[in-house]
N, C-alpha and C. Protein backbone atom coordinates (compact mmCIF):
# COMPACT_ATOMS: atom_id res chain seq x y z
N MET A 1 0.68 -1.20 -0.06
CA MET A 1 0.05 0.07 0.12
C MET A 1 1.05 1.06 0.00
N ARG A 2 0.72 2.19 -0.76
CA ARG A 2 1.40 3.40 -0.83
C ARG A 2 1.00 4.33 -0.05
N ASP A 3 2.35 4.72 0.30
CA ASP A 3 1.98 6.32 1.76
C ASP A 3 2.21 7.32 0.87
N HIS A 4 0.66 8.01 1.02
CA HIS A 4 0.78 9.29 0.28
C HIS A 4 0.75 10.49 1.26
N SER A 5 1.58 10.54 2.28
CA SER A 5 1.78 11.62 3.22
C SER A 5 2.32 12.93 2.60
N ALA A 6 1.87 13.85 3.10
CA ALA A 6 2.66 15.36 2.55
C ALA A 6 4.21 15.22 2.93
N ASP A 7 4.75 14.60 4.21
CA ASP A 7 6.02 14.66 4.41
C ASP A 7 6.91 14.02 3.78
N PRO A 8 8.11 14.48 3.35
CA PRO A 8 8.77 13.47 2.38
C PRO A 8 9.88 13.17 3.03
N ASP A 9 9.99 13.19 4.31
CA ASP A 9 11.20 12.54 5.42
C ASP A 9 10.16 11.17 5.67
N ARG A 10 9.13 11.11 6.10
CA ARG A 10 8.14 10.10 6.39
C ARG A 10 8.13 8.88 5.09
N ARG A 11 8.40 9.86 3.87
CA ARG A 11 7.91 8.54 2.97
C ARG A 11 9.58 8.18 2.67
N ARG A 12 10.34 8.96 2.78
CA ARG A 12 11.95 8.08 2.38
C ARG A 12 12.28 7.03 3.34
N SER A 13 11.75 7.46 4.86
CA SER A 13 12.18 6.25 5.62
C SER A 13 11.40 4.96 5.71
N ALA A 14 10.30 5.18 4.57
CA ALA A 14 9.69 3.89 4.84
C ALA A 14 10.37 2.67 4.04
N GLY A 15 11.27 2.86 3.25
CA GLY A 15 11.56 1.68 1.75
C GLY A 15 13.16 1.33 2.93
N ALA A 16 13.43 0.37 2.50
CA ALA A 16 14.72 -0.22 2.83
C ALA A 16 15.86 0.45 2.74
N ALA A 17 16.99 0.14 3.45
CA ALA A 17 18.04 0.81 3.56
C ALA A 17 18.94 0.25 2.29
N PRO A 18 19.81 1.39 1.51
CA PRO A 18 20.60 0.68 0.48
C PRO A 18 21.70 -0.33 0.95
N PRO A 19 22.06 -1.27 0.02
CA PRO A 19 22.91 -2.51 0.62
C PRO A 19 24.15 -1.90 0.64
N SER A 20 24.87 -2.69 1.78
CA SER A 20 26.19 -2.24 2.33
C SER A 20 27.05 -2.69 0.86
N PRO A 21 28.40 -2.07 0.83
CA PRO A 21 29.23 -2.59 -0.09
C PRO A 21 29.53 -3.96 -0.33
N GLU A 22 29.66 -4.44 0.90
CA GLU A 22 29.65 -6.01 1.06
C GLU A 22 28.56 -6.95 0.41
N GLY A 23 27.47 -6.56 0.64
CA GLY A 23 26.34 -7.01 0.18
C GLY A 23 26.55 -7.03 -1.35
N ARG A 24 26.29 -5.81 -1.71
CA ARG A 24 26.35 -5.58 -3.32
C ARG A 24 27.54 -6.39 -4.07
N ARG A 25 28.91 -6.60 -3.15
CA ARG A 25 29.50 -7.51 -3.93
C ARG A 25 29.31 -9.02 -3.85
N ARG A 26 28.57 -9.77 -2.66
CA ARG A 26 27.84 -10.74 -2.72
C ARG A 26 27.00 -10.61 -3.80
N ALA A 27 26.21 -10.06 -4.04
CA ALA A 27 25.31 -10.18 -5.02
C ALA A 27 25.74 -10.02 -6.44
N TYR A 28 26.65 -9.44 -6.67
CA TYR A 28 27.78 -9.50 -8.08
C TYR A 28 27.98 -10.86 -8.08
N ARG A 29 28.81 -11.15 -7.16
CA ARG A 29 29.34 -12.72 -7.15
C ARG A 29 28.21 -13.93 -7.76
N LEU A 30 27.01 -13.90 -6.76
CA LEU A 30 26.04 -14.56 -7.20
C LEU A 30 25.62 -14.26 -8.44
N ARG A 31 25.61 -13.32 -8.83
CA ARG A 31 24.86 -13.03 -10.46
C ARG A 31 26.22 -13.51 -11.25
N HIS A 32 27.35 -13.37 -11.15
CA HIS A 32 28.33 -13.95 -11.70
C HIS A 32 28.46 -15.44 -11.99
N LEU A 33 28.23 -15.98 -10.76
CA LEU A 33 28.03 -17.31 -10.92
C LEU A 33 26.91 -18.16 -11.83
N LEU A 34 25.92 -17.57 -11.30
CA LEU A 34 24.43 -17.95 -11.91
C LEU A 34 24.63 -18.02 -13.25
N ALA A 35 25.26 -16.58 -13.78
CA ALA A 35 25.22 -16.49 -15.43
C ALA A 35 26.32 -17.45 -15.68
N LYS A 36 27.42 -17.76 -15.25
CA LYS A 36 28.48 -18.56 -15.71
C LYS A 36 27.78 -19.82 -15.97
N VAL A 37 26.99 -20.23 -14.98
CA VAL A 37 26.60 -21.92 -14.94
C VAL A 37 25.24 -21.66 -16.13
N HIS A 38 24.54 -20.84 -16.42
CA HIS A 38 23.41 -20.78 -17.12
C HIS A 38 23.73 -20.50 -18.51
N MET A 39 24.66 -19.92 -18.96
CA MET A 39 25.28 -20.02 -20.12
C MET A 39 25.79 -20.91 -20.53
N PRO A 40 26.64 -22.12 -20.29
CA PRO A 40 26.62 -23.29 -20.78
C PRO A 40 25.59 -24.09 -21.00
N LEU A 41 24.65 -24.09 -20.02
CA LEU A 41 23.45 -24.85 -19.96
C LEU A 41 22.55 -24.20 -20.83
N PHE A 42 22.26 -22.95 -21.20
CA PHE A 42 21.28 -22.42 -22.25
C PHE A 42 21.75 -22.77 -23.50
N LEU A 43 23.07 -22.95 -23.60
CA LEU A 43 23.62 -23.22 -25.02
C LEU A 43 23.75 -24.74 -25.33
N ALA A 44 23.92 -25.80 -24.07
CA ALA A 44 23.76 -26.91 -24.31
C ALA A 44 22.10 -27.29 -24.97
N LEU A 45 20.99 -26.65 -24.18
CA LEU A 45 20.01 -26.99 -24.37
C LEU A 45 19.39 -26.66 -25.89
N ALA A 46 19.95 -25.39 -26.02
CA ALA A 46 19.93 -24.73 -27.52
C ALA A 46 20.38 -26.03 -28.69
N VAL A 47 21.53 -26.42 -28.52
CA VAL A 47 22.04 -27.30 -29.42
C VAL A 47 21.12 -28.21 -29.33
N LEU A 48 20.84 -28.57 -28.44
CA LEU A 48 19.85 -30.35 -28.07
C LEU A 48 19.09 -29.98 -28.91
N PHE A 49 17.99 -29.17 -28.79
CA PHE A 49 16.80 -28.87 -29.27
C PHE A 49 16.46 -28.49 -30.47
N GLY A 50 18.09 -27.99 -31.36
CA GLY A 50 17.87 -27.67 -32.43
C GLY A 50 18.64 -28.91 -33.16
N VAL A 51 19.49 -29.76 -32.95
CA VAL A 51 19.28 -31.13 -33.07
C VAL A 51 18.16 -31.81 -33.43
N TRP A 52 17.46 -32.16 -32.25
CA TRP A 52 15.93 -32.44 -32.53
C TRP A 52 15.44 -32.08 -33.69
N ALA A 53 15.43 -30.64 -33.68
CA ALA A 53 14.30 -30.05 -34.37
C ALA A 53 14.72 -30.33 -36.06
N TRP A 54 16.23 -30.69 -36.20
CA TRP A 54 16.78 -31.07 -37.55
C TRP A 54 16.44 -32.21 -37.73
N ARG A 55 16.53 -33.45 -36.97
CA ARG A 55 16.44 -34.55 -37.06
C ARG A 55 14.98 -35.13 -36.98
N SER A 56 14.05 -34.34 -36.58
CA SER A 56 12.43 -34.89 -36.59
C SER A 56 11.85 -34.89 -37.51
N GLU A 57 11.37 -36.04 -37.72
CA GLU A 57 10.15 -36.25 -39.02
C GLU A 57 8.75 -36.03 -38.86
N THR A 58 8.27 -35.80 -40.46
CA THR A 58 6.97 -35.31 -39.99
C THR A 58 5.97 -36.51 -39.35
N GLY A 59 5.13 -35.81 -38.52
CA GLY A 59 4.17 -36.90 -38.03
C GLY A 59 5.09 -37.51 -36.76
N SER A 60 6.16 -37.23 -36.47
CA SER A 60 6.53 -37.98 -35.34
C SER A 60 6.97 -37.06 -34.15
N GLY A 61 6.34 -37.43 -33.07
CA GLY A 61 6.56 -36.35 -31.57
C GLY A 61 6.28 -34.80 -31.90
N PRO A 62 7.47 -34.00 -31.49
CA PRO A 62 6.66 -32.64 -31.47
C PRO A 62 6.90 -32.27 -33.04
N ASP A 63 6.26 -30.85 -33.35
CA ASP A 63 6.60 -30.52 -34.44
C ASP A 63 7.89 -29.81 -34.33
N SER A 64 8.65 -30.00 -35.86
CA SER A 64 10.19 -29.09 -35.79
C SER A 64 10.24 -27.99 -35.63
N TRP A 65 9.08 -26.87 -36.27
CA TRP A 65 8.90 -25.61 -36.02
C TRP A 65 9.20 -25.46 -34.52
N ALA A 66 8.10 -26.17 -33.72
CA ALA A 66 8.05 -25.84 -32.22
C ALA A 66 9.55 -26.18 -31.72
N LEU A 67 10.05 -27.02 -32.38
CA LEU A 67 11.53 -27.74 -31.31
C LEU A 67 12.51 -26.44 -31.60
N GLY A 68 12.17 -25.90 -32.87
CA GLY A 68 13.11 -24.95 -33.24
C GLY A 68 13.17 -23.72 -32.55
N ALA A 69 11.52 -23.49 -32.22
CA ALA A 69 11.48 -22.41 -31.47
C ALA A 69 12.19 -22.21 -30.10
N VAL A 70 11.79 -23.27 -29.54
CA VAL A 70 12.42 -23.44 -28.21
C VAL A 70 13.99 -23.82 -28.24
N ALA A 71 14.45 -24.15 -29.39
CA ALA A 71 15.88 -23.88 -29.48
C ALA A 71 16.78 -22.70 -29.30
N LEU A 72 15.85 -21.57 -30.31
CA LEU A 72 16.14 -20.43 -30.74
C LEU A 72 15.95 -19.68 -29.02
N VAL A 73 14.81 -19.98 -28.24
CA VAL A 73 14.47 -19.09 -27.17
C VAL A 73 15.78 -19.90 -26.29
N PHE A 74 16.20 -21.06 -26.36
CA PHE A 74 17.47 -21.08 -25.14
C PHE A 74 18.77 -20.60 -25.79
N ALA A 75 18.85 -20.20 -27.35
CA ALA A 75 20.35 -19.57 -27.44
C ALA A 75 20.13 -17.97 -27.12
N VAL A 76 18.58 -17.30 -27.22
CA VAL A 76 18.91 -16.09 -26.48
C VAL A 76 18.79 -15.69 -25.14
N LEU A 77 18.43 -16.85 -24.34
CA LEU A 77 18.77 -16.92 -23.01
C LEU A 77 20.52 -17.48 -22.85
N ALA A 78 21.06 -18.17 -23.59
CA ALA A 78 22.75 -18.04 -23.90
C ALA A 78 23.20 -16.56 -23.78
N LEU A 79 22.47 -16.25 -24.79
CA LEU A 79 23.58 -14.64 -25.35
C LEU A 79 22.91 -13.46 -24.24
N LEU A 80 21.72 -13.68 -23.32
CA LEU A 80 21.67 -12.83 -22.38
C LEU A 80 22.45 -13.06 -21.29
N ALA A 81 22.68 -14.49 -20.86
CA ALA A 81 23.85 -14.90 -19.76
C ALA A 81 25.28 -14.21 -20.48
N LEU A 82 25.57 -14.51 -21.41
CA LEU A 82 27.04 -14.10 -21.80
C LEU A 82 27.11 -12.68 -21.82
N VAL A 83 26.36 -11.86 -22.37
CA VAL A 83 26.10 -10.44 -22.06
C VAL A 83 25.99 -9.91 -20.35
N ASP A 84 25.50 -10.58 -19.60
CA ASP A 84 25.29 -10.39 -17.93
C ASP A 84 27.08 -10.95 -17.39
N VAL A 85 27.54 -11.58 -17.88
CA VAL A 85 28.91 -12.05 -17.39
C VAL A 85 29.82 -10.81 -18.02
N ALA A 86 29.81 -10.20 -19.28
CA ALA A 86 30.53 -9.48 -19.85
C ALA A 86 29.87 -8.12 -18.96
N VAL A 87 29.12 -7.48 -18.53
CA VAL A 87 28.95 -6.20 -18.30
C VAL A 87 29.10 -6.64 -16.62
N ILE A 88 29.13 -7.84 -15.98
CA ILE A 88 29.67 -7.92 -14.96
C ILE A 88 31.27 -7.68 -14.58
N HIS A 89 31.81 -8.37 -15.81
CA HIS A 89 33.17 -8.28 -15.94
C HIS A 89 33.67 -7.15 -16.48
N ASN A 90 33.07 -6.16 -17.14
CA ASN A 90 33.40 -4.66 -17.26
C ASN A 90 32.96 -3.61 -16.08
N HIS A 91 31.95 -4.20 -15.10
CA HIS A 91 31.80 -3.42 -14.03
C HIS A 91 32.89 -3.59 -13.08
N ARG A 92 33.60 -4.60 -13.04
CA ARG A 92 34.54 -5.10 -11.85
C ARG A 92 36.01 -4.31 -12.27
N HIS A 93 36.02 -4.56 -13.60
CA HIS A 93 36.95 -3.78 -14.29
C HIS A 93 37.25 -2.85 -14.31
N HIS A 94 36.37 -1.76 -14.30
CA HIS A 94 36.20 -0.28 -14.03
C HIS A 94 36.59 -0.22 -12.46
N ARG A 95 35.62 -0.84 -11.48
CA ARG A 95 36.03 -0.85 -10.13
C ARG A 95 37.24 -0.76 -9.53
N HIS A 96 38.10 -1.69 -10.15
CA HIS A 96 39.41 -1.70 -9.86
C HIS A 96 40.40 -0.93 -10.28
N SER A 97 39.95 -0.46 -11.62
CA SER A 97 40.86 0.34 -12.68
C SER A 97 40.54 2.05 -11.72
N ARG A 98 39.76 2.34 -10.93
CA ARG A 98 39.31 3.58 -9.98
C ARG A 98 40.15 3.58 -9.01
N ARG A 99 40.64 2.75 -8.05
CA ARG A 99 41.05 2.52 -6.74
C ARG A 99 42.78 3.11 -6.82
């Protein structure tokens, strides 16, 4: 429920405090670990579904277009995980170069 009070200090104190630097580092480490784990997993699933779509015959099992679409979704997820790893790496590089 929103606080529509006119007092800006009261509205500001209602939210949570910003995370500590150590908490932010732990969040980046976890995000980096998850991205590094998910990237190969999504890539392997994209290849698996792509090969399954390529080898599927008409009338047997799922439609090859549906399998291809699933392979494409996993390929996009793998690409997003790769971009996330690159962004985190870039953030760490810039943070260490400022010190």
